[in-house]
PDB file of N, CA and C in Angstrom:
ATOM      1  N   MET A   1       0.843  -1.184   0.000  1.00  0.00           N
ATOM      2  CA  MET A   1       0.000   0.000   0.000  1.00  0.00           C
ATOM      3  C   MET A   1       0.884   1.242   0.000  1.00  0.00           C
ATOM      4  N   GLN A   2       0.545   2.166  -0.853  1.00  0.00           N
ATOM      5  CA  GLN A   2       1.278   3.427  -0.948  1.00  0.00           C
ATOM      6  C   GLN A   2       0.849   4.339   0.193  1.00  0.00           C
ATOM      7  N   HIS A   3       1.835   4.970   0.865  1.00  0.00           N
ATOM      8  CA  HIS A   3       1.512   5.834   2.004  1.00  0.00           C
ATOM      9  C   HIS A   3       0.888   7.146   1.586  1.00  0.00           C
ATOM     10  N   TYR A   4       1.365   7.714   0.501  1.00  0.00           N
ATOM     11  CA  TYR A   4       0.839   9.016   0.083  1.00  0.00           C
ATOM     12  C   TYR A   4       0.298   8.924  -1.325  1.00  0.00           C
ATOM     13  N   ASP A   5      -0.902   9.350  -1.468  1.00  0.00           N
ATOM     14  CA  ASP A   5      -1.537   9.467  -2.771  1.00  0.00           C
ATOM     15  C   ASP A   5      -2.407  10.706  -2.697  1.00  0.00           C
ATOM     16  N   SER A   6      -2.209  11.629  -3.607  1.00  0.00           N
ATOM     17  CA  SER A   6      -2.985  12.873  -3.555  1.00  0.00           C
ATOM     18  C   SER A   6      -4.483  12.621  -3.636  1.00  0.00           C
ATOM     19  N   LYS A   7      -4.868  11.462  -4.124  1.00  0.00           N
ATOM     20  CA  LYS A   7      -6.290  11.130  -4.201  1.00  0.00           C
ATOM     21  C   LYS A   7      -6.874  10.715  -2.846  1.00  0.00           C
ATOM     22  N   ASP A   8      -6.007  10.546  -1.835  1.00  0.00           N
ATOM     23  CA  ASP A   8      -6.487  10.170  -0.500  1.00  0.00           C
ATOM     24  C   ASP A   8      -7.422  11.217   0.099  1.00  0.00           C
ATOM     25  N   SER A   9      -7.366  12.430  -0.431  1.00  0.00           N
ATOM     26  CA  SER A   9      -8.228  13.478   0.112  1.00  0.00           C
ATOM     27  C   SER A   9      -9.704  13.118  -0.010  1.00  0.00           C
ATOM     28  N   LYS A  10     -10.023  12.174  -0.882  1.00  0.00           N
ATOM     29  CA  LYS A  10     -11.423  11.746  -1.011  1.00  0.00           C
ATOM     30  C   LYS A  10     -11.955  11.170   0.305  1.00  0.00           C
ATOM     31  N   PHE A  11     -11.056  10.707   1.177  1.00  0.00           N
ATOM     32  CA  PHE A  11     -11.496  10.163   2.455  1.00  0.00           C
ATOM     33  C   PHE A  11     -11.911  11.257   3.437  1.00  0.00           C
ATOM     34  N   GLY A  12     -11.712  12.500   3.033  1.00  0.00           N
ATOM     35  CA  GLY A  12     -12.211  13.608   3.834  1.00  0.00           C
ATOM     36  C   GLY A  12     -13.710  13.534   4.023  1.00  0.00           C
ATOM     37  N   ARG A  13     -14.391  12.960   3.063  1.00  0.00           N
ATOM     38  CA  ARG A  13     -15.857  12.835   3.210  1.00  0.00           C
ATOM     39  C   ARG A  13     -16.203  11.939   4.390  1.00  0.00           C
ATOM     40  N   ASN A  14     -15.351  10.966   4.711  1.00  0.00           N
ATOM     41  CA  ASN A  14     -15.596  10.125   5.876  1.00  0.00           C
ATOM     42  C   ASN A  14     -15.474  10.943   7.159  1.00  0.00           C
ATOM     43  N   LEU A  15     -14.467  11.816   7.202  1.00  0.00           N
ATOM     44  CA  LEU A  15     -14.331  12.703   8.356  1.00  0.00           C
ATOM     45  C   LEU A  15     -15.535  13.639   8.455  1.00  0.00           C
ATOM     46  N   ARG A  16     -15.915  14.187   7.309  1.00  0.00           N
ATOM     47  CA  ARG A  16     -17.059  15.106   7.275  1.00  0.00           C
ATOM     48  C   ARG A  16     -18.325  14.402   7.752  1.00  0.00           C
ATOM     49  N   LYS A  17     -18.520  13.189   7.330  1.00  0.00           N
ATOM     50  CA  LYS A  17     -19.717  12.437   7.724  1.00  0.00           C
ATOM     51  C   LYS A  17     -19.675  12.079   9.214  1.00  0.00           C
ATOM     52  N   GLY A  18     -18.501  11.735   9.723  1.00  0.00           N
ATOM     53  CA  GLY A  18     -18.380  11.323  11.122  1.00  0.00           C
ATOM     54  C   GLY A  18     -18.463  12.471  12.115  1.00  0.00           C
ATOM     55  N   ALA A  19     -18.006  13.652  11.705  1.00  0.00           N
ATOM     56  CA  ALA A  19     -18.006  14.818  12.598  1.00  0.00           C
ATOM     57  C   ALA A  19     -18.358  16.055  11.775  1.00  0.00           C
ATOM     58  N   PRO A  20     -19.593  16.136  11.299  1.00  0.00           N
ATOM     59  CA  PRO A  20     -19.955  17.190  10.340  1.00  0.00           C
ATOM     60  C   PRO A  20     -19.791  18.617  10.859  1.00  0.00           C
ATOM     61  N   ASP A  21     -20.166  18.884  12.086  1.00  0.00           N
ATOM     62  CA  ASP A  21     -20.050  20.247  12.605  1.00  0.00           C
ATOM     63  C   ASP A  21     -18.591  20.663  12.769  1.00  0.00           C
ATOM     64  N   ASP A  22     -17.802  19.790  13.354  1.00  0.00           N
ATOM     65  CA  ASP A  22     -16.378  20.088  13.546  1.00  0.00           C
ATOM     66  C   ASP A  22     -15.680  20.251  12.201  1.00  0.00           C
ATOM     67  N   PHE A  23     -16.008  19.378  11.258  1.00  0.00           N
ATOM     68  CA  PHE A  23     -15.388  19.433   9.939  1.00  0.00           C
ATOM     69  C   PHE A  23     -15.730  20.761   9.256  1.00  0.00           C
ATOM     70  N   ALA A  24     -16.979  21.159   9.316  1.00  0.00           N
ATOM     71  CA  ALA A  24     -17.404  22.415   8.686  1.00  0.00           C
ATOM     72  C   ALA A  24     -16.696  23.615   9.312  1.00  0.00           C
ATOM     73  N   LYS A  25     -16.545  23.602  10.628  1.00  0.00           N
ATOM     74  CA  LYS A  25     -15.865  24.709  11.306  1.00  0.00           C
ATOM     75  C   LYS A  25     -14.386  24.747  10.935  1.00  0.00           C
ATOM     76  N   PHE A  26     -13.761  23.561  10.807  1.00  0.00           N
ATOM     77  CA  PHE A  26     -12.363  23.532  10.393  1.00  0.00           C
ATOM     78  C   PHE A  26     -12.205  24.101   8.990  1.00  0.00           C
ATOM     79  N   VAL A  27     -13.046  23.674   8.059  1.00  0.00           N
ATOM     80  CA  VAL A  27     -12.962  24.149   6.675  1.00  0.00           C
ATOM     81  C   VAL A  27     -13.146  25.661   6.620  1.00  0.00           C
ATOM     82  N   GLU A  28     -14.134  26.168   7.358  1.00  0.00           N
ATOM     83  CA  GLU A  28     -14.383  27.615   7.387  1.00  0.00           C
ATOM     84  C   GLU A  28     -13.163  28.366   7.923  1.00  0.00           C
ATOM     85  N   TRP A  29     -12.599  27.874   9.003  1.00  0.00           N
ATOM     86  CA  TRP A  29     -11.427  28.507   9.612  1.00  0.00           C
ATOM     87  C   TRP A  29     -10.230  28.453   8.668  1.00  0.00           C
ATOM     88  N   ASP A  30      -9.975  27.289   8.060  1.00  0.00           N
ATOM     89  CA  ASP A  30      -8.860  27.135   7.134  1.00  0.00           C
ATOM     90  C   ASP A  30      -9.004  28.090   5.948  1.00  0.00           C
ATOM     91  N   GLN A  31     -10.197  28.210   5.423  1.00  0.00           N
ATOM     92  CA  GLN A  31     -10.431  29.119   4.299  1.00  0.00           C
ATOM     93  C   GLN A  31     -10.179  30.565   4.704  1.00  0.00           C
ATOM     94  N   GLN A  32     -10.542  30.915   5.921  1.00  0.00           N
ATOM     95  CA  GLN A  32     -10.310  32.275   6.403  1.00  0.00           C
ATOM     96  C   GLN A  32      -8.814  32.555   6.545  1.00  0.00           C
ATOM     97  N   VAL A  33      -8.075  31.604   7.090  1.00  0.00           N
ATOM     98  CA  VAL A  33      -6.636  31.792   7.283  1.00  0.00           C
ATOM     99  C   VAL A  33      -5.931  32.027   5.951  1.00  0.00           C
ATOM    100  N   PHE A  34      -6.376  31.341   4.895  1.00  0.00           N
ATOM    101  CA  PHE A  34      -5.711  31.451   3.602  1.00  0.00           C
ATOM    102  C   PHE A  34      -6.479  32.316   2.595  1.00  0.00           C
ATOM    103  N   ALA A  35      -7.421  33.114   3.092  1.00  0.00           N
ATOM    104  CA  ALA A  35      -8.159  34.020   2.212  1.00  0.00           C
ATOM    105  C   ALA A  35      -7.214  35.088   1.652  1.00  0.00           C
ATOM    106  N   GLU A  36      -7.561  35.601   0.493  1.00  0.00           N
ATOM    107  CA  GLU A  36      -6.725  36.616  -0.166  1.00  0.00           C
ATOM    108  C   GLU A  36      -6.655  37.908   0.643  1.00  0.00           C
ATOM    109  N   GLU A  37      -7.758  38.320   1.195  1.00  0.00           N
ATOM    110  CA  GLU A  37      -7.850  39.628   1.853  1.00  0.00           C
ATOM    111  C   GLU A  37      -8.049  39.482   3.363  1.00  0.00           C
ATOM    112  N   GLY A  38      -7.822  40.610   4.057  1.00  0.00           N
ATOM    113  CA  GLY A  38      -8.141  40.679   5.474  1.00  0.00           C
ATOM    114  C   GLY A  38      -7.021  40.230   6.394  1.00  0.00           C
ATOM    115  N   HIS A  39      -5.778  40.255   5.919  1.00  0.00           N
ATOM    116  CA  HIS A  39      -4.646  39.809   6.730  1.00  0.00           C
ATOM    117  C   HIS A  39      -3.506  40.810   6.627  1.00  0.00           C
ATOM    118  N   GLU A  40      -2.700  40.868   7.654  1.00  0.00           N
ATOM    119  CA  GLU A  40      -1.512  41.703   7.634  1.00  0.00           C
ATOM    120  C   GLU A  40      -0.431  41.088   6.745  1.00  0.00           C
ATOM    121  N   LEU A  41      -0.294  39.758   6.808  1.00  0.00           N
ATOM    122  CA  LEU A  41       0.695  39.071   5.975  1.00  0.00           C
ATOM    123  C   LEU A  41       0.098  38.800   4.608  1.00  0.00           C
ATOM    124  N   SER A  42       0.919  38.898   3.601  1.00  0.00           N
ATOM    125  CA  SER A  42       0.442  38.625   2.245  1.00  0.00           C
ATOM    126  C   SER A  42       0.096  37.141   2.094  1.00  0.00           C
ATOM    127  N   LYS A  43      -0.698  36.846   1.099  1.00  0.00           N
ATOM    128  CA  LYS A  43      -1.046  35.452   0.790  1.00  0.00           C
ATOM    129  C   LYS A  43       0.231  34.659   0.521  1.00  0.00           C
ATOM    130  N   LYS A  44       1.158  35.229  -0.214  1.00  0.00           N
ATOM    131  CA  LYS A  44       2.414  34.551  -0.526  1.00  0.00           C
ATOM    132  C   LYS A  44       3.174  34.226   0.756  1.00  0.00           C
ATOM    133  N   THR A  45       3.274  35.168   1.667  1.00  0.00           N
ATOM    134  CA  THR A  45       3.995  34.946   2.925  1.00  0.00           C
ATOM    135  C   THR A  45       3.322  33.855   3.745  1.00  0.00           C
ATOM    136  N   ARG A  46       2.006  33.891   3.832  1.00  0.00           N
ATOM    137  CA  ARG A  46       1.290  32.861   4.589  1.00  0.00           C
ATOM    138  C   ARG A  46       1.480  31.488   3.965  1.00  0.00           C
ATOM    139  N   GLU A  47       1.527  31.409   2.640  1.00  0.00           N
ATOM    140  CA  GLU A  47       1.759  30.119   1.971  1.00  0.00           C
ATOM    141  C   GLU A  47       3.189  29.625   2.213  1.00  0.00           C
ATOM    142  N   LEU A  48       4.151  30.537   2.233  1.00  0.00           N
ATOM    143  CA  LEU A  48       5.530  30.138   2.519  1.00  0.00           C
ATOM    144  C   LEU A  48       5.672  29.652   3.957  1.00  0.00           C
ATOM    145  N   ILE A  49       4.980  30.290   4.887  1.00  0.00           N
ATOM    146  CA  ILE A  49       4.961  29.812   6.274  1.00  0.00           C
ATOM    147  C   ILE A  49       4.357  28.406   6.310  1.00  0.00           C
ATOM    148  N   ALA A  50       3.263  28.224   5.587  1.00  0.00           N
ATOM    149  CA  ALA A  50       2.603  26.913   5.557  1.00  0.00           C
ATOM    150  C   ALA A  50       3.547  25.834   5.026  1.00  0.00           C
ATOM    151  N   ILE A  51       4.349  26.175   4.033  1.00  0.00           N
ATOM    152  CA  ILE A  51       5.310  25.203   3.491  1.00  0.00           C
ATOM    153  C   ILE A  51       6.353  24.849   4.542  1.00  0.00           C
ATOM    154  N   GLY A  52       6.832  25.843   5.271  1.00  0.00           N
ATOM    155  CA  GLY A  52       7.795  25.564   6.333  1.00  0.00           C
ATOM    156  C   GLY A  52       7.214  24.656   7.400  1.00  0.00           C
ATOM    157  N   VAL A  53       5.993  24.933   7.790  1.00  0.00           N
ATOM    158  CA  VAL A  53       5.327  24.092   8.791  1.00  0.00           C
ATOM    159  C   VAL A  53       5.082  22.696   8.227  1.00  0.00           C
ATOM    160  N   ALA A  54       4.626  22.628   6.989  1.00  0.00           N
ATOM    161  CA  ALA A  54       4.359  21.326   6.361  1.00  0.00           C
ATOM    162  C   ALA A  54       5.637  20.500   6.251  1.00  0.00           C
ATOM    163  N   ALA A  55       6.760  21.154   5.998  1.00  0.00           N
ATOM    164  CA  ALA A  55       8.028  20.422   5.915  1.00  0.00           C
ATOM    165  C   ALA A  55       8.421  19.856   7.273  1.00  0.00           C
ATOM    166  N   THR A  56       8.183  20.624   8.345  1.00  0.00           N
ATOM    167  CA  THR A  56       8.557  20.127   9.673  1.00  0.00           C
ATOM    168  C   THR A  56       7.573  19.080  10.188  1.00  0.00           C
ATOM    169  N   THR A  57       6.298  19.208   9.828  1.00  0.00           N
ATOM    170  CA  THR A  57       5.319  18.206  10.261  1.00  0.00           C
ATOM    171  C   THR A  57       5.253  17.037   9.292  1.00  0.00           C
ATOM    172  N   GLN A  58       5.917  17.172   8.166  1.00  0.00           N
ATOM    173  CA  GLN A  58       6.024  16.137   7.136  1.00  0.00           C
ATOM    174  C   GLN A  58       4.654  15.698   6.625  1.00  0.00           C
ATOM    175  N   CYS A  59       3.833  16.673   6.291  1.00  0.00           N
ATOM    176  CA  CYS A  59       2.502  16.418   5.743  1.00  0.00           C
ATOM    177  C   CYS A  59       2.565  16.535   4.224  1.00  0.00           C
ATOM    178  N   PRO A  60       2.569  15.414   3.516  1.00  0.00           N
ATOM    179  CA  PRO A  60       2.696  15.488   2.061  1.00  0.00           C
ATOM    180  C   PRO A  60       1.536  16.205   1.380  1.00  0.00           C
ATOM    181  N   HIS A  61       0.331  16.046   1.905  1.00  0.00           N
ATOM    182  CA  HIS A  61      -0.811  16.751   1.317  1.00  0.00           C
ATOM    183  C   HIS A  61      -0.639  18.261   1.466  1.00  0.00           C
ATOM    184  N   CYS A  62      -0.206  18.687   2.648  1.00  0.00           N
ATOM    185  CA  CYS A  62       0.006  20.117   2.889  1.00  0.00           C
ATOM    186  C   CYS A  62       1.106  20.663   1.992  1.00  0.00           C
ATOM    187  N   ILE A  63       2.173  19.884   1.830  1.00  0.00           N
ATOM    188  CA  ILE A  63       3.279  20.317   0.970  1.00  0.00           C
ATOM    189  C   ILE A  63       2.781  20.531  -0.457  1.00  0.00           C
ATOM    190  N   GLU A  64       1.989  19.585  -0.951  1.00  0.00           N
ATOM    191  CA  GLU A  64       1.465  19.715  -2.315  1.00  0.00           C
ATOM    192  C   GLU A  64       0.546  20.926  -2.436  1.00  0.00           C
ATOM    193  N   ILE A  65      -0.425  21.021  -1.563  1.00  0.00           N
ATOM    194  CA  ILE A  65      -1.428  22.088  -1.629  1.00  0.00           C
ATOM    195  C   ILE A  65      -0.775  23.471  -1.510  1.00  0.00           C
ATOM    196  N   HIS A  66       0.103  23.632  -0.511  1.00  0.00           N
ATOM    197  CA  HIS A  66       0.660  24.961  -0.248  1.00  0.00           C
ATOM    198  C   HIS A  66       1.797  25.321  -1.195  1.00  0.00           C
ATOM    199  N   SER A  67       2.495  24.342  -1.754  1.00  0.00           N
ATOM    200  CA  SER A  67       3.495  24.648  -2.783  1.00  0.00           C
ATOM    201  C   SER A  67       2.810  25.181  -4.032  1.00  0.00           C
ATOM    202  N   ARG A  68       1.715  24.546  -4.410  1.00  0.00           N
ATOM    203  CA  ARG A  68       0.948  25.019  -5.572  1.00  0.00           C
ATOM    204  C   ARG A  68       0.353  26.402  -5.294  1.00  0.00           C
ATOM    205  N   ALA A  69      -0.181  26.585  -4.086  1.00  0.00           N
ATOM    206  CA  ALA A  69      -0.778  27.882  -3.735  1.00  0.00           C
ATOM    207  C   ALA A  69       0.283  28.974  -3.670  1.00  0.00           C
ATOM    208  N   ALA A  70       1.478  28.643  -3.190  1.00  0.00           N
ATOM    209  CA  ALA A  70       2.560  29.629  -3.137  1.00  0.00           C
ATOM    210  C   ALA A  70       2.951  30.065  -4.550  1.00  0.00           C
ATOM    211  N   ALA A  71       3.015  29.114  -5.467  1.00  0.00           N
ATOM    212  CA  ALA A  71       3.339  29.460  -6.858  1.00  0.00           C
ATOM    213  C   ALA A  71       2.275  30.389  -7.427  1.00  0.00           C
ATOM    214  N   LYS A  72       0.997  30.074  -7.170  1.00  0.00           N
ATOM    215  CA  LYS A  72      -0.094  30.932  -7.653  1.00  0.00           C
ATOM    216  C   LYS A  72      -0.054  32.311  -7.016  1.00  0.00           C
ATOM    217  N   ALA A  73       0.447  32.381  -5.769  1.00  0.00           N
ATOM    218  CA  ALA A  73       0.523  33.664  -5.065  1.00  0.00           C
ATOM    219  C   ALA A  73       1.767  34.456  -5.453  1.00  0.00           C
ATOM    220  N   GLY A  74       2.599  33.913  -6.350  1.00  0.00           N
ATOM    221  CA  GLY A  74       3.744  34.654  -6.850  1.00  0.00           C
ATOM    222  C   GLY A  74       5.077  34.335  -6.194  1.00  0.00           C
ATOM    223  N   ALA A  75       5.125  33.296  -5.388  1.00  0.00           N
ATOM    224  CA  ALA A  75       6.401  32.926  -4.765  1.00  0.00           C
ATOM    225  C   ALA A  75       7.366  32.413  -5.826  1.00  0.00           C
ATOM    226  N   THR A  76       8.631  32.666  -5.595  1.00  0.00           N
ATOM    227  CA  THR A  76       9.663  32.171  -6.502  1.00  0.00           C
ATOM    228  C   THR A  76      10.230  30.858  -5.954  1.00  0.00           C
ATOM    229  N   GLU A  77      10.967  30.166  -6.813  1.00  0.00           N
ATOM    230  CA  GLU A  77      11.620  28.936  -6.364  1.00  0.00           C
ATOM    231  C   GLU A  77      12.628  29.238  -5.259  1.00  0.00           C
ATOM    232  N   ALA A  78      13.301  30.374  -5.352  1.00  0.00           N
ATOM    233  CA  ALA A  78      14.261  30.761  -4.317  1.00  0.00           C
ATOM    234  C   ALA A  78      13.553  30.999  -2.981  1.00  0.00           C
ATOM    235  N   GLU A  79      12.391  31.640  -3.011  1.00  0.00           N
ATOM    236  CA  GLU A  79      11.639  31.875  -1.770  1.00  0.00           C
ATOM    237  C   GLU A  79      11.165  30.551  -1.170  1.00  0.00           C
ATOM    238  N   LEU A  80      10.692  29.658  -2.016  1.00  0.00           N
ATOM    239  CA  LEU A  80      10.271  28.336  -1.551  1.00  0.00           C
ATOM    240  C   LEU A  80      11.459  27.613  -0.916  1.00  0.00           C
ATOM    241  N   SER A  81      12.605  27.693  -1.569  1.00  0.00           N
ATOM    242  CA  SER A  81      13.822  27.056  -1.041  1.00  0.00           C
ATOM    243  C   SER A  81      14.187  27.619   0.318  1.00  0.00           C
ATOM    244  N   GLU A  82      14.098  28.929   0.474  1.00  0.00           N
ATOM    245  CA  GLU A  82      14.413  29.541   1.763  1.00  0.00           C
ATOM    246  C   GLU A  82      13.438  29.107   2.837  1.00  0.00           C
ATOM    247  N   ALA A  83      12.162  28.997   2.503  1.00  0.00           N
ATOM    248  CA  ALA A  83      11.173  28.535   3.477  1.00  0.00           C
ATOM    249  C   ALA A  83      11.509  27.122   3.951  1.00  0.00           C
ATOM    250  N   VAL A  84      11.909  26.273   3.013  1.00  0.00           N
ATOM    251  CA  VAL A  84      12.284  24.903   3.368  1.00  0.00           C
ATOM    252  C   VAL A  84      13.556  24.900   4.218  1.00  0.00           C
ATOM    253  N   MET A  85      14.514  25.756   3.866  1.00  0.00           N
ATOM    254  CA  MET A  85      15.755  25.813   4.642  1.00  0.00           C
ATOM    255  C   MET A  85      15.498  26.294   6.072  1.00  0.00           C
ATOM    256  N   VAL A  86      14.599  27.262   6.243  1.00  0.00           N
ATOM    257  CA  VAL A  86      14.234  27.717   7.593  1.00  0.00           C
ATOM    258  C   VAL A  86      13.619  26.551   8.362  1.00  0.00           C
ATOM    259  N   ALA A  87      12.736  25.802   7.719  1.00  0.00           N
ATOM    260  CA  ALA A  87      12.118  24.650   8.368  1.00  0.00           C
ATOM    261  C   ALA A  87      13.179  23.622   8.766  1.00  0.00           C
ATOM    262  N   MET A  88      14.133  23.380   7.872  1.00  0.00           N
ATOM    263  CA  MET A  88      15.202  22.425   8.163  1.00  0.00           C
ATOM    264  C   MET A  88      16.017  22.874   9.372  1.00  0.00           C
ATOM    265  N   ALA A  89      16.329  24.163   9.430  1.00  0.00           N
ATOM    266  CA  ALA A  89      17.109  24.682  10.552  1.00  0.00           C
ATOM    267  C   ALA A  89      16.335  24.547  11.857  1.00  0.00           C
ATOM    268  N   MET A  90      15.030  24.827  11.802  1.00  0.00           N
ATOM    269  CA  MET A  90      14.211  24.711  13.003  1.00  0.00           C
ATOM    270  C   MET A  90      14.110  23.261  13.458  1.00  0.00           C
ATOM    271  N   ARG A  91      13.979  22.358  12.505  1.00  0.00           N
ATOM    272  CA  ARG A  91      13.880  20.929  12.849  1.00  0.00           C
ATOM    273  C   ARG A  91      15.186  20.456  13.472  1.00  0.00           C
ATOM    274  N   ALA A  92      16.301  20.887  12.901  1.00  0.00           N
ATOM    275  CA  ALA A  92      17.603  20.507  13.454  1.00  0.00           C
ATOM    276  C   ALA A  92      17.792  21.115  14.840  1.00  0.00           C
ATOM    277  N   GLY A  93      17.372  22.363  14.998  1.00  0.00           N
ATOM    278  CA  GLY A  93      17.455  23.005  16.306  1.00  0.00           C
ATOM    279  C   GLY A  93      16.612  22.276  17.333  1.00  0.00           C
ATOM    280  N   GLY A  94      15.434  21.832  16.920  1.00  0.00           N
ATOM    281  CA  GLY A  94      14.576  21.060  17.821  1.00  0.00           C
ATOM    282  C   GLY A  94      15.224  19.752  18.226  1.00  0.00           C
ATOM    283  N   ALA A  95      15.879  19.092  17.275  1.00  0.00           N
ATOM    284  CA  ALA A  95      16.575  17.839  17.591  1.00  0.00           C
ATOM    285  C   ALA A  95      17.709  18.102  18.577  1.00  0.00           C
ATOM    286  N   MET A  96      18.427  19.208  18.372  1.00  0.00           N
ATOM    287  CA  MET A  96      19.534  19.530  19.269  1.00  0.00           C
ATOM    288  C   MET A  96      19.022  19.806  20.681  1.00  0.00           C
ATOM    289  N   THR A  97      17.982  20.631  20.812  1.00  0.00           N
ATOM    290  CA  THR A  97      17.506  20.966  22.157  1.00  0.00           C
ATOM    291  C   THR A  97      16.853  19.764  22.841  1.00  0.00           C
ATOM    292  N   HIS A  98      16.241  18.870  22.064  1.00  0.00           N
ATOM    293  CA  HIS A  98      15.734  17.629  22.655  1.00  0.00           C
ATOM    294  C   HIS A  98      16.900  16.733  23.057  1.00  0.00           C
ATOM    295  N   GLY A  99      18.005  16.841  22.325  1.00  0.00           N
ATOM    296  CA  GLY A  99      19.223  16.133  22.716  1.00  0.00           C
ATOM    297  C   GLY A  99      19.746  16.627  24.053  1.00  0.00           C
ATOM    298  N   TRP A 100      19.645  17.940  24.283  1.00  0.00           N
ATOM    299  CA  TRP A 100      20.041  18.485  25.581  1.00  0.00           C
ATOM    300  C   TRP A 100      19.213  17.845  26.683  1.00  0.00           C
ATOM    301  N   MET A 101      17.906  17.715  26.435  1.00  0.00           N
ATOM    302  CA  MET A 101      17.022  17.093  27.430  1.00  0.00           C
ATOM    303  C   MET A 101      17.439  15.652  27.691  1.00  0.00           C
ATOM    304  N   ALA A 102      17.769  14.916  26.624  1.00  0.00           N
ATOM    305  CA  ALA A 102      18.200  13.525  26.789  1.00  0.00           C
ATOM    306  C   ALA A 102      19.451  13.465  27.666  1.00  0.00           C
ATOM    307  N   MET A 103      20.384  14.376  27.410  1.00  0.00           N
ATOM    308  CA  MET A 103      21.612  14.404  28.211  1.00  0.00           C
ATOM    309  C   MET A 103      21.295  14.750  29.667  1.00  0.00           C
ATOM    310  N   LYS A 104      20.378  15.696  29.894  1.00  0.00           N
ATOM    311  CA  LYS A 104      19.995  16.096  31.253  1.00  0.00           C
ATOM    312  C   LYS A 104      19.401  14.916  32.008  1.00  0.00           C
ATOM    313  N   TYR A 105      18.455  14.200  31.382  1.00  0.00           N
ATOM    314  CA  TYR A 105      17.811  13.075  32.055  1.00  0.00           C
ATOM    315  C   TYR A 105      18.780  11.924  32.270  1.00  0.00           C
ATOM    316  N   PHE A 106      19.678  11.712  31.315  1.00  0.00           N
ATOM    317  CA  PHE A 106      20.691  10.681  31.437  1.00  0.00           C
ATOM    318  C   PHE A 106      21.595  10.990  32.630  1.00  0.00           C
ATOM    319  N   GLN A 107      22.059  12.247  32.674  1.00  0.00           N
ATOM    320  CA  GLN A 107      22.939  12.642  33.773  1.00  0.00           C
ATOM    321  C   GLN A 107      22.203  12.585  35.104  1.00  0.00           C
ATOM    322  N   ASP A 108      20.947  13.036  35.120  1.00  0.00           N
ATOM    323  CA  ASP A 108      20.141  12.996  36.332  1.00  0.00           C
ATOM    324  C   ASP A 108      20.002  11.563  36.840  1.00  0.00           C
ATOM    325  N   GLU A 109      19.748  10.629  35.936  1.00  0.00           N
ATOM    326  CA  GLU A 109      19.601   9.230  36.326  1.00  0.00           C
ATOM    327  C   GLU A 109      20.911   8.682  36.867  1.00  0.00           C
ATOM    328  N   ASN A 110      22.022   9.030  36.226  1.00  0.00           N
ATOM    329  CA  ASN A 110      23.328   8.583  36.712  1.00  0.00           C
ATOM    330  C   ASN A 110      23.641   9.192  38.068  1.00  0.00           C
ATOM    331  N   ASP A 111      23.360  10.489  38.241  1.00  0.00           N
ATOM    332  CA  ASP A 111      23.610  11.154  39.518  1.00  0.00           C
ATOM    333  C   ASP A 111      22.738  10.569  40.613  1.00  0.00           C
ATOM    334  N   THR A 112      21.444  10.357  40.307  1.00  0.00           N
ATOM    335  CA  THR A 112      20.500   9.807  41.290  1.00  0.00           C
ATOM    336  C   THR A 112      20.868   8.365  41.626  1.00  0.00           C
ATOM    337  N   GLY A 113      21.182   7.591  40.603  1.00  0.00           N
ATOM    338  CA  GLY A 113      21.538   6.192  40.812  1.00  0.00           C
ATOM    339  C   GLY A 113      22.786   6.033  41.667  1.00  0.00           C
ATOM    340  N   GLN A 114      23.763   6.945  41.479  1.00  0.00           N
ATOM    341  CA  GLN A 114      24.998   6.857  42.255  1.00  0.00           C
ATOM    342  C   GLN A 114      24.787   7.251  43.705  1.00  0.00           C
ATOM    343  N   SER A 115      23.881   8.229  43.955  1.00  0.00           N
ATOM    344  CA  SER A 115      23.644   8.670  45.325  1.00  0.00           C
ATOM    345  C   SER A 115      22.846   7.651  46.125  1.00  0.00           C
ATOM    346  N   GLU A 116      22.088   6.790  45.429  1.00  0.00           N
ATOM    347  CA  GLU A 116      21.304   5.773  46.112  1.00  0.00           C
ATOM    348  C   GLU A 116      22.129   4.545  46.471  1.00  0.00           C
ATOM    349  N   GLN A 117      23.305   4.426  45.863  1.00  0.00           N
ATOM    350  CA  GLN A 117      24.131   3.220  46.121  1.00  0.00           C
ATOM    351  C   GLN A 117      24.951   3.341  47.370  1.00  0.00           C
TER     352      GLN A 117
END
C-alpha cells in the first residue's frame, strides 16, 4: 500500500460524515486563514509559512497544496527554497535541544543512581 496518494483526500468525506459540525468549522477557519484579503501578511507569505510548517510536520498533502498555492501567489523557487531551509534549521534546532534534554535526564539518572548506592 502506498503511504501518500494525492487522491487520499477523497477520504475527507468520511471525516465530514463522522463529525460534520467540527469538519465544517475547520474548513471555514482554514479558508479564512488562507483568504486573499483581510490579513496583515500577504497570501504569498502565509503560503511560505505553511510550506515551512508542512516540511517540519512532514505532511505530504500540505506540501502539495501549499506549494501550488505559493506558486499561484507569486512565490519564486528561491523563496520556496528559503522557506524549506528555515524549516530544516528549526527541525535541526529542535533535535539539538531535545538532545540536551536527553543528556539532562541521562545525567540525572546517573547522579540519582549513584547517590542511592
